[in-house]
Amino acid sequence: MNARLPASASKRPANVSVRAELLDKAKRLGINLSRTLEDRLAELVREAEAREWLGQNQRAIDAYNKRVEREGIWSDGLRGF
């Protein structure tokens, strides 16, 4: 289940089309279509949001990494390991 949303979160019906044979097999195997779709959709949304965030922040990350390569990190002279 989507870890970000409580199970009691508002739900809305959606129409989806699924191959008849696949749907029949899923029902026979006791697979909960709604829960499975919701879980996978939440996973895909998290992945897309992560890619979007990285795309929006890649320049800043690259700049920071270049700075660390050039100047090191603040604790370089302090740590004893």
N, C-alpha and C. Protein backbone atom coordinates (compact mmCIF):
# COMPACT_ATOMS: atom_id res chain seq x y z
N MET A 1 0.85 -1.18 0.00
CA MET A 1 0.00 0.00 0.00
C MET A 1 0.89 1.23 0.00
N ASN A 2 0.40 2.32 -0.48
CA ASN A 2 1.15 3.56 -0.54
C ASN A 2 1.45 4.03 0.88
N ALA A 3 2.73 4.10 1.22
CA ALA A 3 3.14 4.45 2.57
C ALA A 3 2.84 5.91 2.90
N ARG A 4 2.68 6.76 1.90
CA ARG A 4 2.44 8.17 2.17
C ARG A 4 0.99 8.49 2.50
N LEU A 5 0.07 7.66 2.06
CA LEU A 5 -1.34 7.93 2.28
C LEU A 5 -1.94 6.90 3.22
N PRO A 6 -2.77 7.35 4.17
CA PRO A 6 -3.42 6.38 5.04
C PRO A 6 -4.42 5.53 4.25
N ALA A 7 -4.68 4.33 4.74
CA ALA A 7 -5.61 3.43 4.07
C ALA A 7 -6.99 4.05 3.95
N SER A 8 -7.31 4.98 4.85
CA SER A 8 -8.63 5.60 4.84
C SER A 8 -8.70 6.80 3.88
N ALA A 9 -7.64 7.05 3.11
CA ALA A 9 -7.63 8.19 2.19
C ALA A 9 -8.79 8.08 1.21
N SER A 10 -9.31 9.21 0.82
CA SER A 10 -10.44 9.26 -0.10
C SER A 10 -10.10 8.53 -1.40
N LYS A 11 -11.03 7.73 -1.86
CA LYS A 11 -10.83 6.98 -3.10
C LYS A 11 -11.89 7.38 -4.11
N ARG A 12 -11.55 7.23 -5.38
CA ARG A 12 -12.46 7.58 -6.46
C ARG A 12 -12.48 6.44 -7.46
N PRO A 13 -13.64 6.07 -7.95
CA PRO A 13 -13.69 4.99 -8.94
C PRO A 13 -12.99 5.40 -10.23
N ALA A 14 -12.39 4.42 -10.89
CA ALA A 14 -11.73 4.66 -12.17
C ALA A 14 -12.05 3.51 -13.11
N ASN A 15 -12.23 3.82 -14.34
CA ASN A 15 -12.47 2.79 -15.33
C ASN A 15 -11.16 2.40 -15.98
N VAL A 16 -10.88 1.11 -16.00
CA VAL A 16 -9.68 0.61 -16.66
C VAL A 16 -10.07 -0.55 -17.56
N SER A 17 -9.31 -0.74 -18.59
CA SER A 17 -9.54 -1.87 -19.49
C SER A 17 -8.38 -2.85 -19.31
N VAL A 18 -8.72 -4.12 -19.10
CA VAL A 18 -7.73 -5.16 -18.88
C VAL A 18 -8.08 -6.33 -19.80
N ARG A 19 -7.06 -6.96 -20.33
CA ARG A 19 -7.31 -8.15 -21.16
C ARG A 19 -8.14 -9.15 -20.37
N ALA A 20 -9.17 -9.69 -20.98
CA ALA A 20 -10.13 -10.58 -20.31
C ALA A 20 -9.43 -11.78 -19.70
N GLU A 21 -8.52 -12.40 -20.42
CA GLU A 21 -7.82 -13.58 -19.92
C GLU A 21 -7.00 -13.26 -18.68
N LEU A 22 -6.33 -12.12 -18.71
CA LEU A 22 -5.52 -11.71 -17.56
C LEU A 22 -6.40 -11.43 -16.35
N LEU A 23 -7.50 -10.75 -16.56
CA LEU A 23 -8.43 -10.45 -15.47
C LEU A 23 -9.01 -11.73 -14.88
N ASP A 24 -9.37 -12.68 -15.73
CA ASP A 24 -9.91 -13.96 -15.25
C ASP A 24 -8.88 -14.70 -14.40
N LYS A 25 -7.63 -14.71 -14.83
CA LYS A 25 -6.58 -15.39 -14.07
C LYS A 25 -6.36 -14.70 -12.72
N ALA A 26 -6.34 -13.38 -12.73
CA ALA A 26 -6.14 -12.64 -11.49
C ALA A 26 -7.25 -12.94 -10.49
N LYS A 27 -8.49 -12.94 -10.97
CA LYS A 27 -9.62 -13.25 -10.09
C LYS A 27 -9.52 -14.67 -9.56
N ARG A 28 -9.15 -15.61 -10.43
CA ARG A 28 -9.03 -17.01 -10.01
C ARG A 28 -7.94 -17.17 -8.94
N LEU A 29 -6.89 -16.38 -9.05
CA LEU A 29 -5.79 -16.46 -8.10
C LEU A 29 -6.01 -15.60 -6.86
N GLY A 30 -7.13 -14.92 -6.79
CA GLY A 30 -7.45 -14.12 -5.61
C GLY A 30 -6.68 -12.81 -5.52
N ILE A 31 -6.23 -12.31 -6.65
CA ILE A 31 -5.48 -11.05 -6.65
C ILE A 31 -6.47 -9.90 -6.60
N ASN A 32 -6.29 -9.04 -5.63
CA ASN A 32 -7.15 -7.87 -5.47
C ASN A 32 -6.73 -6.82 -6.48
N LEU A 33 -7.53 -6.65 -7.52
CA LEU A 33 -7.19 -5.76 -8.61
C LEU A 33 -7.00 -4.31 -8.15
N SER A 34 -7.91 -3.82 -7.35
CA SER A 34 -7.83 -2.42 -6.89
C SER A 34 -6.57 -2.18 -6.07
N ARG A 35 -6.29 -3.06 -5.13
CA ARG A 35 -5.10 -2.88 -4.28
C ARG A 35 -3.83 -3.00 -5.10
N THR A 36 -3.81 -3.98 -6.02
CA THR A 36 -2.62 -4.19 -6.84
C THR A 36 -2.36 -2.98 -7.73
N LEU A 37 -3.40 -2.47 -8.36
CA LEU A 37 -3.26 -1.28 -9.20
C LEU A 37 -2.80 -0.09 -8.38
N GLU A 38 -3.41 0.11 -7.24
CA GLU A 38 -3.05 1.25 -6.40
C GLU A 38 -1.60 1.16 -5.93
N ASP A 39 -1.18 -0.03 -5.50
CA ASP A 39 0.20 -0.20 -5.05
C ASP A 39 1.20 0.09 -6.16
N ARG A 40 0.94 -0.50 -7.34
CA ARG A 40 1.88 -0.31 -8.46
C ARG A 40 1.85 1.11 -8.96
N LEU A 41 0.67 1.72 -9.01
CA LEU A 41 0.57 3.11 -9.44
C LEU A 41 1.32 4.03 -8.48
N ALA A 42 1.21 3.77 -7.19
CA ALA A 42 1.94 4.57 -6.20
C ALA A 42 3.45 4.43 -6.41
N GLU A 43 3.89 3.22 -6.71
CA GLU A 43 5.31 2.98 -6.97
C GLU A 43 5.77 3.75 -8.21
N LEU A 44 4.99 3.70 -9.27
CA LEU A 44 5.34 4.43 -10.49
C LEU A 44 5.36 5.93 -10.27
N VAL A 45 4.42 6.43 -9.48
CA VAL A 45 4.38 7.86 -9.17
C VAL A 45 5.61 8.26 -8.37
N ARG A 46 6.00 7.47 -7.36
CA ARG A 46 7.21 7.77 -6.58
C ARG A 46 8.44 7.81 -7.48
N GLU A 47 8.56 6.84 -8.38
CA GLU A 47 9.70 6.81 -9.29
C GLU A 47 9.72 8.02 -10.22
N ALA A 48 8.56 8.39 -10.75
CA ALA A 48 8.47 9.56 -11.63
C ALA A 48 8.79 10.84 -10.87
N GLU A 49 8.29 10.95 -9.64
CA GLU A 49 8.58 12.14 -8.82
C GLU A 49 10.07 12.22 -8.49
N ALA A 50 10.70 11.09 -8.25
CA ALA A 50 12.14 11.07 -7.96
C ALA A 50 12.93 11.53 -9.18
N ARG A 51 12.55 11.04 -10.37
CA ARG A 51 13.23 11.48 -11.61
C ARG A 51 13.01 12.97 -11.83
N GLU A 52 11.79 13.43 -11.59
CA GLU A 52 11.47 14.85 -11.75
C GLU A 52 12.31 15.70 -10.79
N TRP A 53 12.40 15.28 -9.52
CA TRP A 53 13.18 16.01 -8.53
C TRP A 53 14.65 16.06 -8.94
N LEU A 54 15.17 14.92 -9.38
CA LEU A 54 16.57 14.88 -9.78
C LEU A 54 16.81 15.80 -10.97
N GLY A 55 15.89 15.79 -11.93
CA GLY A 55 16.03 16.68 -13.08
C GLY A 55 16.02 18.14 -12.68
N GLN A 56 15.21 18.49 -11.71
CA GLN A 56 15.13 19.87 -11.25
C GLN A 56 16.33 20.28 -10.41
N ASN A 57 17.01 19.31 -9.81
CA ASN A 57 18.09 19.63 -8.88
C ASN A 57 19.47 19.17 -9.35
N GLN A 58 19.55 18.59 -10.55
CA GLN A 58 20.82 18.02 -11.01
C GLN A 58 21.93 19.06 -11.11
N ARG A 59 21.61 20.26 -11.59
CA ARG A 59 22.66 21.30 -11.70
C ARG A 59 23.23 21.64 -10.33
N ALA A 60 22.38 21.78 -9.33
CA ALA A 60 22.86 22.12 -7.98
C ALA A 60 23.69 20.98 -7.40
N ILE A 61 23.26 19.75 -7.63
CA ILE A 61 24.00 18.58 -7.14
C ILE A 61 25.37 18.53 -7.79
N ASP A 62 25.42 18.72 -9.11
CA ASP A 62 26.70 18.71 -9.82
C ASP A 62 27.62 19.81 -9.33
N ALA A 63 27.08 21.00 -9.12
CA ALA A 63 27.88 22.12 -8.63
C ALA A 63 28.44 21.82 -7.24
N TYR A 64 27.62 21.24 -6.38
CA TYR A 64 28.08 20.91 -5.03
C TYR A 64 29.18 19.85 -5.10
N ASN A 65 28.99 18.83 -5.92
CA ASN A 65 30.00 17.78 -6.04
C ASN A 65 31.32 18.32 -6.57
N LYS A 66 31.27 19.25 -7.51
CA LYS A 66 32.50 19.87 -8.04
C LYS A 66 33.19 20.68 -6.94
N ARG A 67 32.39 21.36 -6.15
CA ARG A 67 32.96 22.15 -5.05
C ARG A 67 33.65 21.23 -4.04
N VAL A 68 33.03 20.12 -3.70
CA VAL A 68 33.62 19.18 -2.75
C VAL A 68 34.91 18.60 -3.34
N GLU A 69 34.92 18.27 -4.62
CA GLU A 69 36.14 17.77 -5.26
C GLU A 69 37.25 18.81 -5.19
N ARG A 70 36.91 20.05 -5.40
CA ARG A 70 37.88 21.15 -5.43
C ARG A 70 38.35 21.53 -4.03
N GLU A 71 37.41 21.65 -3.07
CA GLU A 71 37.73 22.20 -1.76
C GLU A 71 37.71 21.18 -0.63
N GLY A 72 37.16 20.00 -0.88
CA GLY A 72 37.00 19.02 0.19
C GLY A 72 35.77 19.36 1.03
N ILE A 73 35.58 18.59 2.10
CA ILE A 73 34.46 18.87 2.98
C ILE A 73 34.99 19.49 4.27
N TRP A 74 34.12 20.15 4.98
CA TRP A 74 34.54 20.94 6.14
C TRP A 74 35.25 20.13 7.20
N SER A 75 34.98 18.84 7.31
CA SER A 75 35.57 18.05 8.39
C SER A 75 36.83 17.30 7.98
N ASP A 76 37.35 17.56 6.79
CA ASP A 76 38.53 16.82 6.33
C ASP A 76 39.68 16.88 7.33
N GLY A 77 39.93 18.01 7.93
CA GLY A 77 41.05 18.14 8.87
C GLY A 77 40.69 17.75 10.29
N LEU A 78 39.45 17.44 10.56
CA LEU A 78 39.00 17.18 11.93
C LEU A 78 38.80 15.71 12.24
N ARG A 79 38.44 14.95 11.27
CA ARG A 79 38.11 13.56 11.56
C ARG A 79 39.38 12.74 11.78
N GLY A 80 39.25 11.75 12.65
CA GLY A 80 40.40 10.93 13.02
C GLY A 80 40.35 9.52 12.45
N PHE A 81 39.63 9.32 11.40
CA PHE A 81 39.56 7.98 10.79
C PHE A 81 39.93 8.04 9.34
